[in-house]
Amino acid sequence: MRQKKPRLIVTFETTAMALKMEKICHAAGAPGRLIPVPREITAGCGMAWMAEPEELEQLQAVMRAGNVTPQGIHVLEGKSNGNSV
């Protein structure tokens, strides 16, 4: 059985903001990808950015530089409800 690893989830209020995150992350070579929001989290637009938790600082710097405002930043631990950062 595959063990679930913690994952960093960044949520957005609008689809436009989620797509902007994708664009700036790809341009900056930042890690992660767009996913549907996990059901453990409630978010505005239904899209989220997923990456490894240790990549938080890099993603925050990219978001600041690209003027991207997240709705929330969460770390999901397998099947738990997750923790907000």
PDB file of N, CA and C in Angstrom:
ATOM      1  N   MET A   1       0.836  -1.184   0.000  1.00  0.00           N
ATOM      2  CA  MET A   1       0.000   0.000   0.000  1.00  0.00           C
ATOM      3  C   MET A   1       0.883   1.251   0.000  1.00  0.00           C
ATOM      4  N   ARG A   2       0.513   2.201  -0.807  1.00  0.00           N
ATOM      5  CA  ARG A   2       1.271   3.444  -0.924  1.00  0.00           C
ATOM      6  C   ARG A   2       0.995   4.345   0.271  1.00  0.00           C
ATOM      7  N   GLN A   3       2.069   4.845   0.887  1.00  0.00           N
ATOM      8  CA  GLN A   3       1.915   5.738   2.021  1.00  0.00           C
ATOM      9  C   GLN A   3       1.703   7.166   1.519  1.00  0.00           C
ATOM     10  N   LYS A   4       0.723   7.853   2.088  1.00  0.00           N
ATOM     11  CA  LYS A   4       0.454   9.227   1.662  1.00  0.00           C
ATOM     12  C   LYS A   4       1.421  10.177   2.344  1.00  0.00           C
ATOM     13  N   LYS A   5       1.973  11.091   1.536  1.00  0.00           N
ATOM     14  CA  LYS A   5       2.902  12.082   2.049  1.00  0.00           C
ATOM     15  C   LYS A   5       2.152  13.389   2.265  1.00  0.00           C
ATOM     16  N   PRO A   6       2.654  14.221   3.194  1.00  0.00           N
ATOM     17  CA  PRO A   6       2.047  15.545   3.362  1.00  0.00           C
ATOM     18  C   PRO A   6       2.176  16.340   2.063  1.00  0.00           C
ATOM     19  N   ARG A   7       1.189  17.185   1.806  1.00  0.00           N
ATOM     20  CA  ARG A   7       1.253  18.035   0.621  1.00  0.00           C
ATOM     21  C   ARG A   7       0.770  19.434   0.955  1.00  0.00           C
ATOM     22  N   LEU A   8       1.394  20.387   0.325  1.00  0.00           N
ATOM     23  CA  LEU A   8       1.059  21.792   0.491  1.00  0.00           C
ATOM     24  C   LEU A   8      -0.022  22.137  -0.519  1.00  0.00           C
ATOM     25  N   ILE A   9      -1.105  22.742  -0.059  1.00  0.00           N
ATOM     26  CA  ILE A   9      -2.216  23.118  -0.921  1.00  0.00           C
ATOM     27  C   ILE A   9      -2.458  24.619  -0.779  1.00  0.00           C
ATOM     28  N   VAL A  10      -2.392  25.336  -1.889  1.00  0.00           N
ATOM     29  CA  VAL A  10      -2.661  26.778  -1.910  1.00  0.00           C
ATOM     30  C   VAL A  10      -3.985  26.962  -2.644  1.00  0.00           C
ATOM     31  N   THR A  11      -4.960  27.584  -1.978  1.00  0.00           N
ATOM     32  CA  THR A  11      -6.278  27.788  -2.579  1.00  0.00           C
ATOM     33  C   THR A  11      -6.459  29.252  -2.992  1.00  0.00           C
ATOM     34  N   PHE A  12      -7.429  29.470  -3.876  1.00  0.00           N
ATOM     35  CA  PHE A  12      -7.666  30.801  -4.447  1.00  0.00           C
ATOM     36  C   PHE A  12      -9.157  31.102  -4.474  1.00  0.00           C
ATOM     37  N   GLU A  13      -9.501  32.385  -4.395  1.00  0.00           N
ATOM     38  CA  GLU A  13     -10.903  32.796  -4.452  1.00  0.00           C
ATOM     39  C   GLU A  13     -11.455  32.748  -5.869  1.00  0.00           C
ATOM     40  N   THR A  14     -10.586  32.959  -6.862  1.00  0.00           N
ATOM     41  CA  THR A  14     -11.056  33.004  -8.245  1.00  0.00           C
ATOM     42  C   THR A  14     -10.215  32.095  -9.140  1.00  0.00           C
ATOM     43  N   THR A  15     -10.834  31.644 -10.210  1.00  0.00           N
ATOM     44  CA  THR A  15     -10.117  30.838 -11.200  1.00  0.00           C
ATOM     45  C   THR A  15      -9.014  31.661 -11.854  1.00  0.00           C
ATOM     46  N   ALA A  16      -9.257  32.936 -12.066  1.00  0.00           N
ATOM     47  CA  ALA A  16      -8.249  33.811 -12.673  1.00  0.00           C
ATOM     48  C   ALA A  16      -6.978  33.848 -11.823  1.00  0.00           C
ATOM     49  N   MET A  17      -7.133  33.889 -10.491  1.00  0.00           N
ATOM     50  CA  MET A  17      -5.972  33.930  -9.607  1.00  0.00           C
ATOM     51  C   MET A  17      -5.235  32.586  -9.639  1.00  0.00           C
ATOM     52  N   ALA A  18      -5.970  31.481  -9.715  1.00  0.00           N
ATOM     53  CA  ALA A  18      -5.344  30.158  -9.802  1.00  0.00           C
ATOM     54  C   ALA A  18      -4.548  30.029 -11.100  1.00  0.00           C
ATOM     55  N   LEU A  19      -5.108  30.498 -12.199  1.00  0.00           N
ATOM     56  CA  LEU A  19      -4.414  30.434 -13.488  1.00  0.00           C
ATOM     57  C   LEU A  19      -3.199  31.365 -13.522  1.00  0.00           C
ATOM     58  N   LYS A  20      -3.309  32.508 -12.839  1.00  0.00           N
ATOM     59  CA  LYS A  20      -2.163  33.414 -12.734  1.00  0.00           C
ATOM     60  C   LYS A  20      -1.042  32.733 -11.953  1.00  0.00           C
ATOM     61  N   MET A  21      -1.401  32.008 -10.881  1.00  0.00           N
ATOM     62  CA  MET A  21      -0.409  31.266 -10.100  1.00  0.00           C
ATOM     63  C   MET A  21       0.314  30.254 -10.990  1.00  0.00           C
ATOM     64  N   GLU A  22      -0.453  29.532 -11.800  1.00  0.00           N
ATOM     65  CA  GLU A  22       0.148  28.551 -12.703  1.00  0.00           C
ATOM     66  C   GLU A  22       1.133  29.234 -13.660  1.00  0.00           C
ATOM     67  N   LYS A  23       0.726  30.356 -14.217  1.00  0.00           N
ATOM     68  CA  LYS A  23       1.556  31.070 -15.184  1.00  0.00           C
ATOM     69  C   LYS A  23       2.855  31.560 -14.548  1.00  0.00           C
ATOM     70  N   ILE A  24       2.772  32.185 -13.376  1.00  0.00           N
ATOM     71  CA  ILE A  24       3.987  32.730 -12.759  1.00  0.00           C
ATOM     72  C   ILE A  24       4.894  31.623 -12.228  1.00  0.00           C
ATOM     73  N   CYS A  25       4.319  30.538 -11.760  1.00  0.00           N
ATOM     74  CA  CYS A  25       5.143  29.423 -11.267  1.00  0.00           C
ATOM     75  C   CYS A  25       5.900  28.766 -12.416  1.00  0.00           C
ATOM     76  N   HIS A  26       5.233  28.568 -13.533  1.00  0.00           N
ATOM     77  CA  HIS A  26       5.912  27.981 -14.689  1.00  0.00           C
ATOM     78  C   HIS A  26       7.026  28.914 -15.185  1.00  0.00           C
ATOM     79  N   ALA A  27       6.747  30.212 -15.218  1.00  0.00           N
ATOM     80  CA  ALA A  27       7.750  31.172 -15.672  1.00  0.00           C
ATOM     81  C   ALA A  27       8.958  31.220 -14.736  1.00  0.00           C
ATOM     82  N   ALA A  28       8.708  31.048 -13.431  1.00  0.00           N
ATOM     83  CA  ALA A  28       9.785  31.112 -12.440  1.00  0.00           C
ATOM     84  C   ALA A  28      10.452  29.756 -12.204  1.00  0.00           C
ATOM     85  N   GLY A  29       9.904  28.716 -12.804  1.00  0.00           N
ATOM     86  CA  GLY A  29      10.441  27.382 -12.572  1.00  0.00           C
ATOM     87  C   GLY A  29      10.111  26.854 -11.184  1.00  0.00           C
ATOM     88  N   ALA A  30       9.053  27.385 -10.588  1.00  0.00           N
ATOM     89  CA  ALA A  30       8.639  26.971  -9.239  1.00  0.00           C
ATOM     90  C   ALA A  30       7.921  25.626  -9.297  1.00  0.00           C
ATOM     91  N   PRO A  31       8.042  24.847  -8.236  1.00  0.00           N
ATOM     92  CA  PRO A  31       7.452  23.509  -8.215  1.00  0.00           C
ATOM     93  C   PRO A  31       5.950  23.522  -8.002  1.00  0.00           C
ATOM     94  N   GLY A  32       5.304  22.440  -8.436  1.00  0.00           N
ATOM     95  CA  GLY A  32       3.884  22.250  -8.168  1.00  0.00           C
ATOM     96  C   GLY A  32       3.051  22.193  -9.429  1.00  0.00           C
ATOM     97  N   ARG A  33       1.726  22.048  -9.197  1.00  0.00           N
ATOM     98  CA  ARG A  33       0.792  21.985 -10.325  1.00  0.00           C
ATOM     99  C   ARG A  33      -0.613  22.308  -9.831  1.00  0.00           C
ATOM    100  N   LEU A  34      -1.479  22.699 -10.764  1.00  0.00           N
ATOM    101  CA  LEU A  34      -2.879  22.953 -10.442  1.00  0.00           C
ATOM    102  C   LEU A  34      -3.616  21.635 -10.282  1.00  0.00           C
ATOM    103  N   ILE A  35      -4.489  21.581  -9.275  1.00  0.00           N
ATOM    104  CA  ILE A  35      -5.321  20.406  -9.028  1.00  0.00           C
ATOM    105  C   ILE A  35      -6.708  20.870  -8.622  1.00  0.00           C
ATOM    106  N   PRO A  36      -7.707  19.989  -8.666  1.00  0.00           N
ATOM    107  CA  PRO A  36      -8.989  20.325  -8.046  1.00  0.00           C
ATOM    108  C   PRO A  36      -8.782  20.419  -6.532  1.00  0.00           C
ATOM    109  N   VAL A  37      -9.498  21.309  -5.881  1.00  0.00           N
ATOM    110  CA  VAL A  37      -9.358  21.458  -4.428  1.00  0.00           C
ATOM    111  C   VAL A  37      -9.743  20.141  -3.754  1.00  0.00           C
ATOM    112  N   PRO A  38      -8.888  19.614  -2.874  1.00  0.00           N
ATOM    113  CA  PRO A  38      -9.239  18.395  -2.150  1.00  0.00           C
ATOM    114  C   PRO A  38     -10.504  18.605  -1.316  1.00  0.00           C
ATOM    115  N   ARG A  39     -11.282  17.572  -1.150  1.00  0.00           N
ATOM    116  CA  ARG A  39     -12.565  17.730  -0.444  1.00  0.00           C
ATOM    117  C   ARG A  39     -12.402  18.083   1.023  1.00  0.00           C
ATOM    118  N   GLU A  40     -11.193  17.906   1.579  1.00  0.00           N
ATOM    119  CA  GLU A  40     -10.948  18.279   2.971  1.00  0.00           C
ATOM    120  C   GLU A  40     -10.913  19.791   3.170  1.00  0.00           C
ATOM    121  N   ILE A  41     -10.813  20.524   2.070  1.00  0.00           N
ATOM    122  CA  ILE A  41     -10.683  21.987   2.123  1.00  0.00           C
ATOM    123  C   ILE A  41     -11.845  22.621   1.373  1.00  0.00           C
ATOM    124  N   THR A  42     -12.340  23.728   1.893  1.00  0.00           N
ATOM    125  CA  THR A  42     -13.356  24.508   1.192  1.00  0.00           C
ATOM    126  C   THR A  42     -12.664  25.728   0.600  1.00  0.00           C
ATOM    127  N   ALA A  43     -12.846  25.954  -0.691  1.00  0.00           N
ATOM    128  CA  ALA A  43     -12.219  27.106  -1.342  1.00  0.00           C
ATOM    129  C   ALA A  43     -13.143  27.663  -2.407  1.00  0.00           C
ATOM    130  N   GLY A  44     -12.933  28.935  -2.719  1.00  0.00           N
ATOM    131  CA  GLY A  44     -13.791  29.664  -3.620  1.00  0.00           C
ATOM    132  C   GLY A  44     -13.925  29.126  -5.028  1.00  0.00           C
ATOM    133  N   CYS A  45     -12.820  28.881  -5.715  1.00  0.00           N
ATOM    134  CA  CYS A  45     -12.930  28.604  -7.146  1.00  0.00           C
ATOM    135  C   CYS A  45     -12.857  27.127  -7.512  1.00  0.00           C
ATOM    136  N   GLY A  46     -12.477  26.271  -6.596  1.00  0.00           N
ATOM    137  CA  GLY A  46     -12.396  24.850  -6.903  1.00  0.00           C
ATOM    138  C   GLY A  46     -11.065  24.400  -7.464  1.00  0.00           C
ATOM    139  N   MET A  47     -10.110  25.336  -7.624  1.00  0.00           N
ATOM    140  CA  MET A  47      -8.776  24.986  -8.107  1.00  0.00           C
ATOM    141  C   MET A  47      -7.757  25.343  -7.031  1.00  0.00           C
ATOM    142  N   ALA A  48      -6.673  24.561  -6.968  1.00  0.00           N
ATOM    143  CA  ALA A  48      -5.629  24.796  -5.969  1.00  0.00           C
ATOM    144  C   ALA A  48      -4.273  24.462  -6.576  1.00  0.00           C
ATOM    145  N   TRP A  49      -3.222  24.992  -5.945  1.00  0.00           N
ATOM    146  CA  TRP A  49      -1.849  24.678  -6.337  1.00  0.00           C
ATOM    147  C   TRP A  49      -1.313  23.677  -5.326  1.00  0.00           C
ATOM    148  N   MET A  50      -0.756  22.573  -5.812  1.00  0.00           N
ATOM    149  CA  MET A  50      -0.209  21.553  -4.925  1.00  0.00           C
ATOM    150  C   MET A  50       1.298  21.466  -5.112  1.00  0.00           C
ATOM    151  N   ALA A  51       2.011  21.388  -3.988  1.00  0.00           N
ATOM    152  CA  ALA A  51       3.471  21.237  -4.003  1.00  0.00           C
ATOM    153  C   ALA A  51       3.884  20.518  -2.724  1.00  0.00           C
ATOM    154  N   GLU A  52       5.167  20.322  -2.560  1.00  0.00           N
ATOM    155  CA  GLU A  52       5.710  19.719  -1.341  1.00  0.00           C
ATOM    156  C   GLU A  52       5.743  20.790  -0.244  1.00  0.00           C
ATOM    157  N   PRO A  53       5.456  20.429   1.021  1.00  0.00           N
ATOM    158  CA  PRO A  53       5.449  21.419   2.105  1.00  0.00           C
ATOM    159  C   PRO A  53       6.762  22.199   2.249  1.00  0.00           C
ATOM    160  N   GLU A  54       7.888  21.555   1.964  1.00  0.00           N
ATOM    161  CA  GLU A  54       9.176  22.250   2.109  1.00  0.00           C
ATOM    162  C   GLU A  54       9.395  23.322   1.038  1.00  0.00           C
ATOM    163  N   GLU A  55       8.515  23.420   0.074  1.00  0.00           N
ATOM    164  CA  GLU A  55       8.632  24.420  -0.985  1.00  0.00           C
ATOM    165  C   GLU A  55       7.821  25.688  -0.685  1.00  0.00           C
ATOM    166  N   LEU A  56       7.275  25.776   0.520  1.00  0.00           N
ATOM    167  CA  LEU A  56       6.416  26.904   0.901  1.00  0.00           C
ATOM    168  C   LEU A  56       7.104  28.257   0.726  1.00  0.00           C
ATOM    169  N   GLU A  57       8.326  28.411   1.253  1.00  0.00           N
ATOM    170  CA  GLU A  57       9.001  29.708   1.181  1.00  0.00           C
ATOM    171  C   GLU A  57       9.224  30.150  -0.261  1.00  0.00           C
ATOM    172  N   GLN A  58       9.636  29.219  -1.107  1.00  0.00           N
ATOM    173  CA  GLN A  58       9.856  29.550  -2.520  1.00  0.00           C
ATOM    174  C   GLN A  58       8.544  29.990  -3.176  1.00  0.00           C
ATOM    175  N   LEU A  59       7.460  29.269  -2.894  1.00  0.00           N
ATOM    176  CA  LEU A  59       6.165  29.630  -3.492  1.00  0.00           C
ATOM    177  C   LEU A  59       5.666  30.969  -2.971  1.00  0.00           C
ATOM    178  N   GLN A  60       5.877  31.251  -1.686  1.00  0.00           N
ATOM    179  CA  GLN A  60       5.458  32.542  -1.148  1.00  0.00           C
ATOM    180  C   GLN A  60       6.217  33.684  -1.826  1.00  0.00           C
ATOM    181  N   ALA A  61       7.505  33.481  -2.089  1.00  0.00           N
ATOM    182  CA  ALA A  61       8.291  34.511  -2.774  1.00  0.00           C
ATOM    183  C   ALA A  61       7.783  34.725  -4.194  1.00  0.00           C
ATOM    184  N   VAL A  62       7.455  33.642  -4.883  1.00  0.00           N
ATOM    185  CA  VAL A  62       6.928  33.741  -6.247  1.00  0.00           C
ATOM    186  C   VAL A  62       5.570  34.450  -6.234  1.00  0.00           C
ATOM    187  N   MET A  63       4.719  34.125  -5.258  1.00  0.00           N
ATOM    188  CA  MET A  63       3.403  34.779  -5.171  1.00  0.00           C
ATOM    189  C   MET A  63       3.548  36.268  -4.898  1.00  0.00           C
ATOM    190  N   ARG A  64       4.464  36.637  -3.993  1.00  0.00           N
ATOM    191  CA  ARG A  64       4.689  38.064  -3.721  1.00  0.00           C
ATOM    192  C   ARG A  64       5.160  38.783  -4.974  1.00  0.00           C
ATOM    193  N   ALA A  65       6.132  38.200  -5.662  1.00  0.00           N
ATOM    194  CA  ALA A  65       6.685  38.827  -6.868  1.00  0.00           C
ATOM    195  C   ALA A  65       5.643  38.935  -7.978  1.00  0.00           C
ATOM    196  N   GLY A  66       4.748  37.956  -8.069  1.00  0.00           N
ATOM    197  CA  GLY A  66       3.744  37.942  -9.125  1.00  0.00           C
ATOM    198  C   GLY A  66       2.416  38.549  -8.730  1.00  0.00           C
ATOM    199  N   ASN A  67       2.358  39.104  -7.508  1.00  0.00           N
ATOM    200  CA  ASN A  67       1.130  39.734  -7.011  1.00  0.00           C
ATOM    201  C   ASN A  67      -0.055  38.762  -7.018  1.00  0.00           C
ATOM    202  N   VAL A  68       0.186  37.542  -6.543  1.00  0.00           N
ATOM    203  CA  VAL A  68      -0.860  36.525  -6.420  1.00  0.00           C
ATOM    204  C   VAL A  68      -1.266  36.443  -4.956  1.00  0.00           C
ATOM    205  N   THR A  69      -2.569  36.552  -4.696  1.00  0.00           N
ATOM    206  CA  THR A  69      -3.081  36.489  -3.338  1.00  0.00           C
ATOM    207  C   THR A  69      -3.809  35.170  -3.129  1.00  0.00           C
ATOM    208  N   PRO A  70      -3.278  34.309  -2.245  1.00  0.00           N
ATOM    209  CA  PRO A  70      -3.967  33.048  -1.988  1.00  0.00           C
ATOM    210  C   PRO A  70      -5.148  33.254  -1.052  1.00  0.00           C
ATOM    211  N   GLN A  71      -6.128  32.393  -1.171  1.00  0.00           N
ATOM    212  CA  GLN A  71      -7.243  32.399  -0.214  1.00  0.00           C
ATOM    213  C   GLN A  71      -6.793  31.712   1.066  1.00  0.00           C
ATOM    214  N   GLY A  72      -6.014  30.637   0.909  1.00  0.00           N
ATOM    215  CA  GLY A  72      -5.513  29.912   2.062  1.00  0.00           C
ATOM    216  C   GLY A  72      -4.333  29.046   1.674  1.00  0.00           C
ATOM    217  N   ILE A  73      -3.525  28.719   2.682  1.00  0.00           N
ATOM    218  CA  ILE A  73      -2.392  27.814   2.494  1.00  0.00           C
ATOM    219  C   ILE A  73      -2.531  26.722   3.540  1.00  0.00           C
ATOM    220  N   HIS A  74      -2.549  25.475   3.088  1.00  0.00           N
ATOM    221  CA  HIS A  74      -2.812  24.336   3.962  1.00  0.00           C
ATOM    222  C   HIS A  74      -1.772  23.245   3.744  1.00  0.00           C
ATOM    223  N   VAL A  75      -1.533  22.456   4.793  1.00  0.00           N
ATOM    224  CA  VAL A  75      -0.728  21.251   4.666  1.00  0.00           C
ATOM    225  C   VAL A  75      -1.641  20.089   5.013  1.00  0.00           C
ATOM    226  N   LEU A  76      -1.849  19.204   4.047  1.00  0.00           N
ATOM    227  CA  LEU A  76      -2.680  18.024   4.270  1.00  0.00           C
ATOM    228  C   LEU A  76      -1.784  16.848   4.604  1.00  0.00           C
ATOM    229  N   GLU A  77      -2.108  16.185   5.677  1.00  0.00           N
ATOM    230  CA  GLU A  77      -1.352  15.022   6.146  1.00  0.00           C
ATOM    231  C   GLU A  77      -2.146  13.767   5.834  1.00  0.00           C
ATOM    232  N   GLY A  78      -2.011  13.227   4.648  1.00  0.00           N
ATOM    233  CA  GLY A  78      -2.744  12.013   4.305  1.00  0.00           C
ATOM    234  C   GLY A  78      -4.235  12.230   4.375  1.00  0.00           C
ATOM    235  N   LYS A  79      -4.930  11.522   5.278  1.00  0.00           N
ATOM    236  CA  LYS A  79      -6.385  11.616   5.347  1.00  0.00           C
ATOM    237  C   LYS A  79      -6.886  12.564   6.432  1.00  0.00           C
ATOM    238  N   SER A  80      -6.003  13.329   7.060  1.00  0.00           N
ATOM    239  CA  SER A  80      -6.460  14.248   8.108  1.00  0.00           C
ATOM    240  C   SER A  80      -7.130  15.460   7.492  1.00  0.00           C
ATOM    241  N   ASN A  81      -7.679  16.316   8.332  1.00  0.00           N
ATOM    242  CA  ASN A  81      -8.320  17.531   7.866  1.00  0.00           C
ATOM    243  C   ASN A  81      -7.331  18.599   7.446  1.00  0.00           C
ATOM    244  N   GLY A  82      -6.072  18.410   7.779  1.00  0.00           N
ATOM    245  CA  GLY A  82      -5.052  19.364   7.352  1.00  0.00           C
ATOM    246  C   GLY A  82      -4.877  20.494   8.340  1.00  0.00           C
ATOM    247  N   ASN A  83      -3.832  21.244   8.145  1.00  0.00           N
ATOM    248  CA  ASN A  83      -3.507  22.379   8.992  1.00  0.00           C
ATOM    249  C   ASN A  83      -3.314  23.593   8.113  1.00  0.00           C
ATOM    250  N   SER A  84      -3.833  24.725   8.543  1.00  0.00           N
ATOM    251  CA  SER A  84      -3.605  25.967   7.801  1.00  0.00           C
ATOM    252  C   SER A  84      -2.259  26.534   8.206  1.00  0.00           C
ATOM    253  N   VAL A  85      -1.593  27.143   7.214  1.00  0.00           N
ATOM    254  CA  VAL A  85      -0.280  27.750   7.470  1.00  0.00           C
ATOM    255  C   VAL A  85      -0.463  29.238   7.591  1.00  0.00           C
TER     256      VAL A  85
END
